[in-house]
Amino acid sequence: MVDNQIKIGWSKTEMAQKVALDIPDGSYVNLGIGMPEMVADFVPEGRELIYQTENGLLGMGPVPEVGQEDLELINAGKKPVTTNPGACFFHHADSFTMIRGGHIDVCVLGAMQISEEGDLANWSTGAANAIPAVGGAMDLVAGVKRIFVITQHNTKDGKSKLVKQCSYPLTGKGVVETIYTNLAIIDVKEEGLYVRELGPNVNFEYLKERTEAQLFQ
């Protein structure tokens, strides 16, 4: 976001880097479709993060360079990916066994709404004639140990995605641990939403004006 030539907050790339920095060394990580896919491009120096995609790949690498794509090597979002040394392929059902069996440490998902209690809505607005497309998100929030969300802080029409209570159909209740937006990094605690870090040229008052949910410092 640029306001009078002053950069406000983080870019999508910077947000993805922030997420990667918070993932512990040696973690097995599932990435949702959309902005979460960008996290695979970043592995902090000195760490090994093992990215899994539910269509059957463990050891997913960065996005391939233009012209180097293999259209048979894709992630769950049907986008071309690469593999890291030691990567392996497996059946879709085995992939969900990893997820449901609690073998994935961290999942990064997008969001339409996140409530003050960490409820997540990320698959439908509930609008008439909308096509339901929950995918594997419900399995992920139920089976993965830690759920991170990466999303723009506001919708295109300026509405806050951090709300007091979700009005959209829930993916999971009380599942979100940390929220990464273009304006701030926010931890979900029993007492509410606590701002851990503010983006460039963002102060707490600016953030509160753009947030429906109650925030704490």
Protein backbone atom coordinates (compact mmCIF):
# COMPACT_ATOMS: atom_id res chain seq x y z
CA MET A 1 0.00 0.00 0.00
CA VAL A 2 1.34 3.48 -0.92
CA ASP A 3 -0.11 6.57 0.77
CA ASN A 4 1.23 9.90 -0.57
CA GLN A 5 4.35 8.08 -1.79
CA ILE A 6 4.97 6.64 1.68
CA LYS A 7 4.98 2.87 1.80
CA ILE A 8 2.45 1.62 4.34
CA GLY A 9 2.90 -1.92 5.61
CA TRP A 10 4.52 -4.97 4.02
CA SER A 11 4.33 -6.32 0.47
CA LYS A 12 3.05 -9.87 -0.11
CA THR A 13 6.64 -11.07 -0.52
CA GLU A 14 7.66 -9.48 2.77
CA MET A 15 4.63 -11.05 4.49
CA ALA A 16 5.63 -14.49 3.22
CA GLN A 17 9.18 -13.93 4.53
CA LYS A 18 7.76 -13.01 7.95
CA VAL A 19 5.80 -16.26 8.07
CA ALA A 20 8.84 -18.35 7.10
CA LEU A 21 10.90 -16.71 9.86
CA ASP A 22 8.41 -17.92 12.48
CA ILE A 23 8.49 -21.58 11.38
CA PRO A 24 10.84 -23.63 13.59
CA ASP A 25 13.77 -25.50 12.10
CA GLY A 26 12.89 -28.99 10.91
CA SER A 27 9.14 -28.38 10.67
CA TYR A 28 6.86 -30.18 8.24
CA VAL A 29 4.73 -27.43 6.70
CA ASN A 30 1.56 -27.48 4.58
CA LEU A 31 0.80 -24.40 2.50
CA GLY A 32 -2.70 -23.41 1.44
CA ILE A 33 -3.69 -22.10 -1.96
CA GLY A 34 -2.99 -18.49 -2.94
CA MET A 35 -0.76 -16.21 -0.91
CA PRO A 36 0.39 -19.06 1.40
CA GLU A 37 2.10 -20.68 -1.60
CA MET A 38 4.62 -17.79 -1.60
CA VAL A 39 6.04 -18.99 1.74
CA ALA A 40 7.71 -21.93 -0.06
CA ASP A 41 10.11 -19.46 -1.69
CA PHE A 42 11.67 -18.70 1.68
CA VAL A 43 13.65 -20.90 4.03
CA PRO A 44 15.55 -18.88 6.64
CA GLU A 45 19.32 -19.39 6.57
CA GLY A 46 20.46 -22.26 8.73
CA ARG A 47 17.03 -23.95 8.84
CA GLU A 48 15.42 -26.83 7.00
CA LEU A 49 11.68 -26.48 6.38
CA ILE A 50 10.00 -29.42 4.65
CA TYR A 51 7.01 -28.25 2.65
CA GLN A 52 4.14 -30.65 1.99
CA THR A 53 1.32 -30.25 -0.48
CA GLU A 54 -1.80 -32.38 -0.06
CA ASN A 55 -1.85 -33.55 -3.67
CA GLY A 56 1.12 -35.76 -2.75
CA LEU A 57 4.54 -34.14 -2.46
CA LEU A 58 6.85 -33.83 0.55
CA GLY A 59 9.92 -31.67 -0.03
CA MET A 60 8.41 -28.99 -2.26
CA GLY A 61 10.89 -26.34 -3.38
CA PRO A 62 10.55 -22.76 -4.64
CA VAL A 63 8.50 -21.68 -7.64
CA PRO A 64 10.41 -22.60 -10.84
CA GLU A 65 11.94 -19.95 -13.04
CA VAL A 66 9.94 -18.89 -16.07
CA GLY A 67 10.45 -21.43 -18.85
CA GLN A 68 11.57 -24.16 -16.43
CA GLU A 69 8.06 -25.26 -15.34
CA ASP A 70 7.09 -28.93 -15.39
CA LEU A 71 3.29 -28.96 -15.75
CA GLU A 72 3.14 -32.44 -14.22
CA LEU A 73 4.86 -31.17 -11.07
CA ILE A 74 2.28 -28.97 -9.37
CA ASN A 75 1.04 -28.06 -5.91
CA ALA A 76 -2.51 -28.31 -4.56
CA GLY A 77 -3.30 -25.01 -6.26
CA LYS A 78 -2.28 -26.53 -9.63
CA LYS A 79 0.70 -24.19 -9.87
CA PRO A 80 4.13 -25.46 -11.03
CA VAL A 81 6.59 -26.11 -8.21
CA THR A 82 10.04 -27.62 -7.81
CA THR A 83 11.40 -30.34 -5.55
CA ASN A 84 14.24 -30.22 -3.06
CA PRO A 85 16.79 -33.05 -2.72
CA GLY A 86 15.17 -35.97 -0.88
CA ALA A 87 11.63 -35.05 -1.91
CA CYS A 88 9.09 -37.85 -2.29
CA PHE A 89 5.74 -38.39 -3.96
CA PHE A 90 2.78 -40.33 -2.61
CA HIS A 91 -0.92 -41.02 -2.99
CA HIS A 92 -3.50 -38.34 -2.18
CA ALA A 93 -4.98 -40.56 0.53
CA ASP A 94 -1.55 -40.98 2.16
CA SER A 95 -1.17 -37.21 2.14
CA PHE A 96 -4.39 -36.77 4.11
CA THR A 97 -3.30 -39.54 6.48
CA MET A 98 -0.25 -37.40 7.30
CA ILE A 99 -2.54 -34.42 7.93
CA ARG A 100 -5.28 -36.21 9.90
CA GLY A 101 -2.71 -38.24 11.85
CA GLY A 102 -1.11 -35.11 13.30
CA HIS A 103 2.19 -35.47 11.44
CA ILE A 104 2.29 -31.94 9.99
CA ASP A 105 3.67 -29.27 12.33
CA VAL A 106 2.52 -26.02 10.72
CA CYS A 107 -0.12 -25.06 8.17
CA VAL A 108 -0.31 -21.65 6.50
CA LEU A 109 -3.75 -20.70 5.17
CA GLY A 110 -5.49 -17.70 3.67
CA ALA A 111 -8.60 -16.18 5.24
CA MET A 112 -11.80 -14.34 4.53
CA GLN A 113 -12.41 -13.64 8.22
CA ILE A 114 -10.67 -14.35 11.54
CA SER A 115 -12.52 -13.74 14.81
CA GLU A 116 -11.24 -12.46 18.15
CA GLU A 117 -11.32 -16.08 19.39
CA GLY A 118 -9.22 -17.39 16.50
CA ASP A 119 -12.13 -18.79 14.49
CA LEU A 120 -11.27 -19.11 10.81
CA ALA A 121 -13.55 -18.64 7.78
CA ASN A 122 -11.69 -19.17 4.52
CA TRP A 123 -13.86 -21.03 2.03
CA SER A 124 -17.24 -19.35 1.43
CA THR A 125 -19.06 -16.09 1.93
CA GLY A 126 -22.30 -18.05 2.13
CA ALA A 127 -23.71 -15.97 -0.73
CA ALA A 128 -26.52 -17.45 -2.80
CA ASN A 129 -25.32 -19.50 -5.79
CA ALA A 130 -21.72 -19.44 -4.51
CA ILE A 131 -19.80 -22.62 -5.28
CA PRO A 132 -18.58 -24.31 -2.07
CA ALA A 133 -14.86 -25.08 -2.24
CA VAL A 134 -13.59 -25.90 1.19
CA GLY A 135 -10.96 -28.33 -0.16
CA GLY A 136 -8.74 -29.82 2.52
CA ALA A 137 -8.82 -26.82 4.83
CA MET A 138 -11.14 -28.44 7.39
CA ASP A 139 -8.80 -31.44 7.64
CA LEU A 140 -5.81 -29.15 7.98
CA VAL A 141 -7.20 -27.02 10.82
CA ALA A 142 -8.30 -30.20 12.64
CA GLY A 143 -5.10 -32.21 12.16
CA VAL A 144 -2.15 -29.80 12.00
CA LYS A 145 -0.49 -28.71 15.24
CA ARG A 146 -0.16 -24.97 14.52
CA ILE A 147 -2.24 -22.83 12.15
CA PHE A 148 -0.84 -19.58 10.74
CA VAL A 149 -2.94 -17.26 8.57
CA ILE A 150 -1.56 -14.89 5.94
CA THR A 151 -3.95 -12.35 4.42
CA GLN A 152 -4.47 -8.73 3.49
CA HIS A 153 -5.70 -6.82 6.53
CA ASN A 154 -8.76 -5.45 4.72
CA THR A 155 -10.94 -6.49 1.80
CA LYS A 156 -10.84 -4.58 -1.49
CA ASP A 157 -13.75 -2.45 -0.27
CA GLY A 158 -11.99 -1.66 3.00
CA LYS A 159 -13.77 -4.06 5.37
CA SER A 160 -11.72 -5.57 8.17
CA LYS A 161 -10.92 -9.28 7.89
CA LEU A 162 -10.28 -9.35 11.64
CA VAL A 163 -13.78 -9.34 13.09
CA LYS A 164 -15.48 -9.75 16.45
CA GLN A 165 -17.36 -12.81 15.19
CA CYS A 166 -17.20 -14.47 11.78
CA SER A 167 -20.31 -14.04 9.68
CA TYR A 168 -19.10 -16.46 6.99
CA PRO A 169 -19.22 -20.29 7.35
CA LEU A 170 -16.41 -21.47 9.62
CA THR A 171 -13.52 -23.65 8.56
CA GLY A 172 -12.48 -24.20 12.17
CA LYS A 173 -13.28 -22.79 15.59
CA GLY A 174 -10.49 -21.39 17.76
CA VAL A 175 -7.78 -22.80 15.50
CA VAL A 176 -5.66 -19.79 14.46
CA GLU A 177 -2.41 -19.18 16.36
CA THR A 178 -0.93 -16.20 14.49
CA ILE A 179 -2.20 -13.78 11.84
CA TYR A 180 0.16 -12.16 9.32
CA THR A 181 -1.33 -9.20 7.46
CA ASN A 182 0.18 -6.42 5.38
CA LEU A 183 -0.17 -4.14 8.42
CA ALA A 184 0.81 -6.28 11.41
CA ILE A 185 1.65 -9.65 12.94
CA ILE A 186 -0.97 -10.57 15.54
CA ASP A 187 -0.95 -13.47 18.00
CA VAL A 188 -4.25 -15.07 19.05
CA LYS A 189 -4.24 -15.58 22.82
CA GLU A 190 -6.92 -16.61 25.30
CA GLU A 191 -7.25 -12.95 26.28
CA GLY A 192 -7.69 -11.73 22.68
CA LEU A 193 -5.67 -10.50 19.69
CA TYR A 194 -2.23 -9.18 20.63
CA VAL A 195 -0.18 -7.14 18.15
CA ARG A 196 3.37 -8.47 18.12
CA GLU A 197 4.82 -6.38 15.27
CA LEU A 198 3.64 -3.43 13.20
CA GLY A 199 4.46 -2.98 9.51
CA PRO A 200 6.50 -0.08 8.15
CA ASN A 201 4.85 3.31 8.86
CA VAL A 202 1.95 1.66 10.71
CA ASN A 203 1.17 2.69 14.28
CA PHE A 204 -1.32 1.15 16.69
CA GLU A 205 -4.00 3.82 16.15
CA TYR A 206 -3.78 3.43 12.36
CA LEU A 207 -4.18 -0.31 12.77
CA LYS A 208 -7.17 -0.01 15.13
CA GLU A 209 -8.99 2.29 12.68
CA ARG A 210 -8.81 -0.49 10.07
CA THR A 211 -9.74 -3.36 12.40
CA GLU A 212 -13.19 -4.40 13.62
CA ALA A 213 -11.84 -6.82 16.23
CA GLN A 214 -10.45 -5.52 19.51
CA LEU A 215 -6.67 -5.38 19.55
CA PHE A 216 -4.21 -5.33 22.42
CA GLN A 217 -0.54 -4.42 22.68
